[in-house]
Amino acid sequence: MRACVQRVGRAQVTVGEEIIGRIGTGMLVLLGVAQRDTEADARQLAQKIAGLRIFEDEQGKMNLSLADVDGAMLVVSQFTLLGDCRKGRRPSFVAAAPPEQAETLYGIFVDAVAEQGICVATGRFRQQMEVELVNDGPVTLLVESK
């Protein structure tokens, strides 16, 4: 699994005219699932990302986790994170998991974050979405399960 994690002041995802997920302070996680990913990968990555200490303490150092700041997580499926652009000009998505597998593992990831007591909002799988965010910092990290 591959995730693009952004520390945000706020974020939301819209399908059509409907806002389907919205958070204040927290993390926007764009999540890509690869063919070889497993349930264990989803759970491990959820634990890792939820525990990342990327929020500033009183001294301005990144020492606080999502739980420490009472933040939330917005998780949006993003198969294009598995795009391979090394050859030519058109990305190849052969490494991305098929939709059924990706949706299952996406759900496991979301549930594993929620099990840690974190408020989780989501996008809508296999839908055209508009994602809006205010990146705080900016802080953006790429995190992989393997």
C-alpha atoms as a PDB file:
ATOM      1  CA  MET A   1       0.000   0.000   0.000  1.00  0.00           C
ATOM      2  CA  ARG A   2       1.115   3.505  -0.676  1.00  0.00           C
ATOM      3  CA  ALA A   3      -0.225   6.570   1.097  1.00  0.00           C
ATOM      4  CA  CYS A   4       0.229  10.275   0.610  1.00  0.00           C
ATOM      5  CA  VAL A   5      -0.325  11.808   4.047  1.00  0.00           C
ATOM      6  CA  GLN A   6      -0.983  15.519   4.367  1.00  0.00           C
ATOM      7  CA  ARG A   7      -1.307  17.397   7.639  1.00  0.00           C
ATOM      8  CA  VAL A   8      -4.351  19.612   7.225  1.00  0.00           C
ATOM      9  CA  GLY A   9      -6.185  22.416   8.950  1.00  0.00           C
ATOM     10  CA  ARG A  10      -9.301  21.161   7.198  1.00  0.00           C
ATOM     11  CA  ALA A  11     -10.253  18.942   4.281  1.00  0.00           C
ATOM     12  CA  GLN A  12     -13.347  17.703   2.519  1.00  0.00           C
ATOM     13  CA  VAL A  13     -14.357  15.440  -0.336  1.00  0.00           C
ATOM     14  CA  THR A  14     -17.325  16.022  -2.613  1.00  0.00           C
ATOM     15  CA  VAL A  15     -19.152  13.738  -5.041  1.00  0.00           C
ATOM     16  CA  GLY A  16     -21.310  15.742  -7.411  1.00  0.00           C
ATOM     17  CA  GLU A  17     -22.738  18.520  -5.253  1.00  0.00           C
ATOM     18  CA  GLU A  18     -22.699  16.461  -2.017  1.00  0.00           C
ATOM     19  CA  ILE A  19     -19.992  16.798   0.630  1.00  0.00           C
ATOM     20  CA  ILE A  20     -19.494  13.187   1.724  1.00  0.00           C
ATOM     21  CA  GLY A  21     -16.530  13.585   4.073  1.00  0.00           C
ATOM     22  CA  ARG A  22     -15.201  16.539   6.038  1.00  0.00           C
ATOM     23  CA  ILE A  23     -12.645  17.027   8.811  1.00  0.00           C
ATOM     24  CA  GLY A  24     -11.009  19.889  10.680  1.00  0.00           C
ATOM     25  CA  THR A  25      -7.473  19.536  12.048  1.00  0.00           C
ATOM     26  CA  GLY A  26      -5.969  16.205  11.094  1.00  0.00           C
ATOM     27  CA  MET A  27      -4.687  14.199   8.175  1.00  0.00           C
ATOM     28  CA  LEU A  28      -5.814  13.726   4.609  1.00  0.00           C
ATOM     29  CA  VAL A  29      -4.676  10.274   3.500  1.00  0.00           C
ATOM     30  CA  LEU A  30      -4.729   9.417  -0.196  1.00  0.00           C
ATOM     31  CA  LEU A  31      -4.495   5.614  -0.209  1.00  0.00           C
ATOM     32  CA  GLY A  32      -3.368   3.380  -3.077  1.00  0.00           C
ATOM     33  CA  VAL A  33      -3.663  -0.403  -2.900  1.00  0.00           C
ATOM     34  CA  ALA A  34      -1.266  -2.652  -4.829  1.00  0.00           C
ATOM     35  CA  GLN A  35      -1.967  -6.146  -6.175  1.00  0.00           C
ATOM     36  CA  ARG A  36       0.213  -7.896  -3.596  1.00  0.00           C
ATOM     37  CA  ASP A  37      -1.184  -6.044  -0.574  1.00  0.00           C
ATOM     38  CA  THR A  38      -2.813  -8.000   2.239  1.00  0.00           C
ATOM     39  CA  GLU A  39      -5.039  -7.379   5.232  1.00  0.00           C
ATOM     40  CA  ALA A  40      -1.900  -7.339   7.379  1.00  0.00           C
ATOM     41  CA  ASP A  41      -0.480  -4.542   5.203  1.00  0.00           C
ATOM     42  CA  ALA A  42      -3.661  -2.489   5.627  1.00  0.00           C
ATOM     43  CA  ARG A  43      -3.667  -2.893   9.414  1.00  0.00           C
ATOM     44  CA  GLN A  44       0.070  -2.174   9.748  1.00  0.00           C
ATOM     45  CA  LEU A  45      -0.161   0.954   7.598  1.00  0.00           C
ATOM     46  CA  ALA A  46      -3.213   2.203   9.507  1.00  0.00           C
ATOM     47  CA  GLN A  47      -1.327   1.801  12.786  1.00  0.00           C
ATOM     48  CA  LYS A  48       1.753   3.527  11.383  1.00  0.00           C
ATOM     49  CA  ILE A  49      -0.065   6.521   9.907  1.00  0.00           C
ATOM     50  CA  ALA A  50      -2.376   7.045  12.885  1.00  0.00           C
ATOM     51  CA  GLY A  51       0.681   7.125  15.146  1.00  0.00           C
ATOM     52  CA  LEU A  52       2.805   9.476  13.060  1.00  0.00           C
ATOM     53  CA  ARG A  53       4.055  12.352  15.182  1.00  0.00           C
ATOM     54  CA  ILE A  54       3.645  15.156  12.659  1.00  0.00           C
ATOM     55  CA  PHE A  55       1.818  17.756  14.742  1.00  0.00           C
ATOM     56  CA  GLU A  56       3.718  20.486  16.560  1.00  0.00           C
ATOM     57  CA  ASP A  57       4.120  20.624  20.322  1.00  0.00           C
ATOM     58  CA  GLU A  58       4.506  23.820  22.398  1.00  0.00           C
ATOM     59  CA  GLN A  59       8.115  24.183  21.217  1.00  0.00           C
ATOM     60  CA  GLY A  60       7.155  23.930  17.544  1.00  0.00           C
ATOM     61  CA  LYS A  61       8.626  20.425  17.118  1.00  0.00           C
ATOM     62  CA  MET A  62       6.731  17.632  15.388  1.00  0.00           C
ATOM     63  CA  ASN A  63       6.172  15.471  18.471  1.00  0.00           C
ATOM     64  CA  LEU A  64       2.405  14.987  18.599  1.00  0.00           C
ATOM     65  CA  SER A  65       0.225  12.333  16.972  1.00  0.00           C
ATOM     66  CA  LEU A  66      -3.303  12.598  15.643  1.00  0.00           C
ATOM     67  CA  ALA A  67      -4.720  11.362  18.968  1.00  0.00           C
ATOM     68  CA  ASP A  68      -2.615  13.918  20.886  1.00  0.00           C
ATOM     69  CA  VAL A  69      -4.235  16.801  18.997  1.00  0.00           C
ATOM     70  CA  ASP A  70      -7.711  15.230  18.938  1.00  0.00           C
ATOM     71  CA  GLY A  71      -7.522  15.258  15.145  1.00  0.00           C
ATOM     72  CA  ALA A  72      -9.443  13.341  12.507  1.00  0.00           C
ATOM     73  CA  MET A  73      -8.482  11.504   9.326  1.00  0.00           C
ATOM     74  CA  LEU A  74     -10.038  11.800   5.880  1.00  0.00           C
ATOM     75  CA  VAL A  75      -9.184   8.726   3.782  1.00  0.00           C
ATOM     76  CA  VAL A  76      -9.631   8.856   0.009  1.00  0.00           C
ATOM     77  CA  SER A  77      -8.954   5.936  -2.331  1.00  0.00           C
ATOM     78  CA  GLN A  78      -6.306   6.921  -4.888  1.00  0.00           C
ATOM     79  CA  PHE A  79      -5.273   4.142  -7.295  1.00  0.00           C
ATOM     80  CA  THR A  80      -3.200   6.611  -9.299  1.00  0.00           C
ATOM     81  CA  LEU A  81      -0.596   6.547  -6.490  1.00  0.00           C
ATOM     82  CA  LEU A  82       0.417   3.198  -8.005  1.00  0.00           C
ATOM     83  CA  GLY A  83       1.001   4.770 -11.421  1.00  0.00           C
ATOM     84  CA  ASP A  84       4.386   3.965 -12.949  1.00  0.00           C
ATOM     85  CA  CYS A  85       5.726   6.866 -15.030  1.00  0.00           C
ATOM     86  CA  ARG A  86       9.213   5.525 -15.700  1.00  0.00           C
ATOM     87  CA  LYS A  87       8.500   4.672 -19.342  1.00  0.00           C
ATOM     88  CA  GLY A  88       6.840   6.917 -21.857  1.00  0.00           C
ATOM     89  CA  ARG A  89       4.405   9.665 -20.979  1.00  0.00           C
ATOM     90  CA  ARG A  90       1.320   7.672 -20.057  1.00  0.00           C
ATOM     91  CA  PRO A  91       1.282   6.131 -16.565  1.00  0.00           C
ATOM     92  CA  SER A  92       0.920   2.376 -16.239  1.00  0.00           C
ATOM     93  CA  PHE A  93      -1.393   1.137 -13.499  1.00  0.00           C
ATOM     94  CA  VAL A  94      -0.605  -2.587 -13.708  1.00  0.00           C
ATOM     95  CA  ALA A  95       0.651  -2.594 -10.092  1.00  0.00           C
ATOM     96  CA  ALA A  96      -2.684  -1.333  -8.759  1.00  0.00           C
ATOM     97  CA  ALA A  97      -5.002  -3.883  -7.175  1.00  0.00           C
ATOM     98  CA  PRO A  98      -8.239  -4.801  -8.953  1.00  0.00           C
ATOM     99  CA  PRO A  99     -11.178  -2.711  -7.679  1.00  0.00           C
ATOM    100  CA  GLU A 100     -12.743  -5.477  -5.573  1.00  0.00           C
ATOM    101  CA  GLN A 101      -9.490  -6.207  -3.709  1.00  0.00           C
ATOM    102  CA  ALA A 102      -8.678  -2.512  -3.346  1.00  0.00           C
ATOM    103  CA  GLU A 103     -12.107  -1.697  -1.924  1.00  0.00           C
ATOM    104  CA  THR A 104     -11.840  -4.499   0.642  1.00  0.00           C
ATOM    105  CA  LEU A 105      -8.384  -3.431   1.813  1.00  0.00           C
ATOM    106  CA  TYR A 106      -9.404   0.236   1.818  1.00  0.00           C
ATOM    107  CA  GLY A 107     -12.263  -0.693   4.148  1.00  0.00           C
ATOM    108  CA  ILE A 108      -9.937  -2.669   6.409  1.00  0.00           C
ATOM    109  CA  PHE A 109      -7.572   0.321   6.585  1.00  0.00           C
ATOM    110  CA  VAL A 110     -10.421   2.692   7.505  1.00  0.00           C
ATOM    111  CA  ASP A 111     -11.752   0.293  10.144  1.00  0.00           C
ATOM    112  CA  ALA A 112      -8.262  -0.190  11.619  1.00  0.00           C
ATOM    113  CA  VAL A 113      -7.870   3.586  12.017  1.00  0.00           C
ATOM    114  CA  ALA A 114     -11.302   3.877  13.657  1.00  0.00           C
ATOM    115  CA  GLU A 115     -10.436   1.017  16.040  1.00  0.00           C
ATOM    116  CA  GLN A 116      -7.690   3.282  17.410  1.00  0.00           C
ATOM    117  CA  GLY A 117     -10.311   5.793  18.530  1.00  0.00           C
ATOM    118  CA  ILE A 118      -9.720   8.216  15.664  1.00  0.00           C
ATOM    119  CA  CYS A 119     -12.632   9.905  13.930  1.00  0.00           C
ATOM    120  CA  VAL A 120     -12.487   8.863  10.258  1.00  0.00           C
ATOM    121  CA  ALA A 121     -14.247  10.373   7.264  1.00  0.00           C
ATOM    122  CA  THR A 122     -14.011   8.822   3.804  1.00  0.00           C
ATOM    123  CA  GLY A 123     -14.431   9.433   0.157  1.00  0.00           C
ATOM    124  CA  ARG A 124     -16.621   7.161  -1.935  1.00  0.00           C
ATOM    125  CA  PHE A 125     -14.856   4.277  -3.609  1.00  0.00           C
ATOM    126  CA  ARG A 126     -14.848   4.247  -7.451  1.00  0.00           C
ATOM    127  CA  GLN A 127     -16.474   7.672  -7.707  1.00  0.00           C
ATOM    128  CA  GLN A 128     -15.280  10.882  -9.304  1.00  0.00           C
ATOM    129  CA  MET A 129     -14.426  13.051  -6.314  1.00  0.00           C
ATOM    130  CA  GLU A 130     -13.247  16.576  -5.656  1.00  0.00           C
ATOM    131  CA  VAL A 131     -10.876  16.847  -2.713  1.00  0.00           C
ATOM    132  CA  GLU A 132     -10.265  20.195  -1.041  1.00  0.00           C
ATOM    133  CA  LEU A 133      -7.682  20.762   1.664  1.00  0.00           C
ATOM    134  CA  VAL A 134      -5.703  23.342   3.540  1.00  0.00           C
ATOM    135  CA  ASN A 135      -2.261  21.768   3.935  1.00  0.00           C
ATOM    136  CA  ASP A 136      -0.813  22.832   7.279  1.00  0.00           C
ATOM    137  CA  GLY A 137       2.923  23.492   7.119  1.00  0.00           C
ATOM    138  CA  PRO A 138       2.892  22.287   4.430  1.00  0.00           C
ATOM    139  CA  VAL A 139       3.556  18.763   5.673  1.00  0.00           C
ATOM    140  CA  THR A 140       3.262  15.954   3.109  1.00  0.00           C
ATOM    141  CA  LEU A 141       4.691  12.459   3.550  1.00  0.00           C
ATOM    142  CA  LEU A 142       4.756   9.325   1.429  1.00  0.00           C
ATOM    143  CA  VAL A 143       4.307   6.169   3.518  1.00  0.00           C
ATOM    144  CA  GLU A 144       4.426   2.595   2.210  1.00  0.00           C
ATOM    145  CA  SER A 145       3.540  -0.696   3.825  1.00  0.00           C
ATOM    146  CA  LYS A 146       6.512  -2.579   2.352  1.00  0.00           C
END
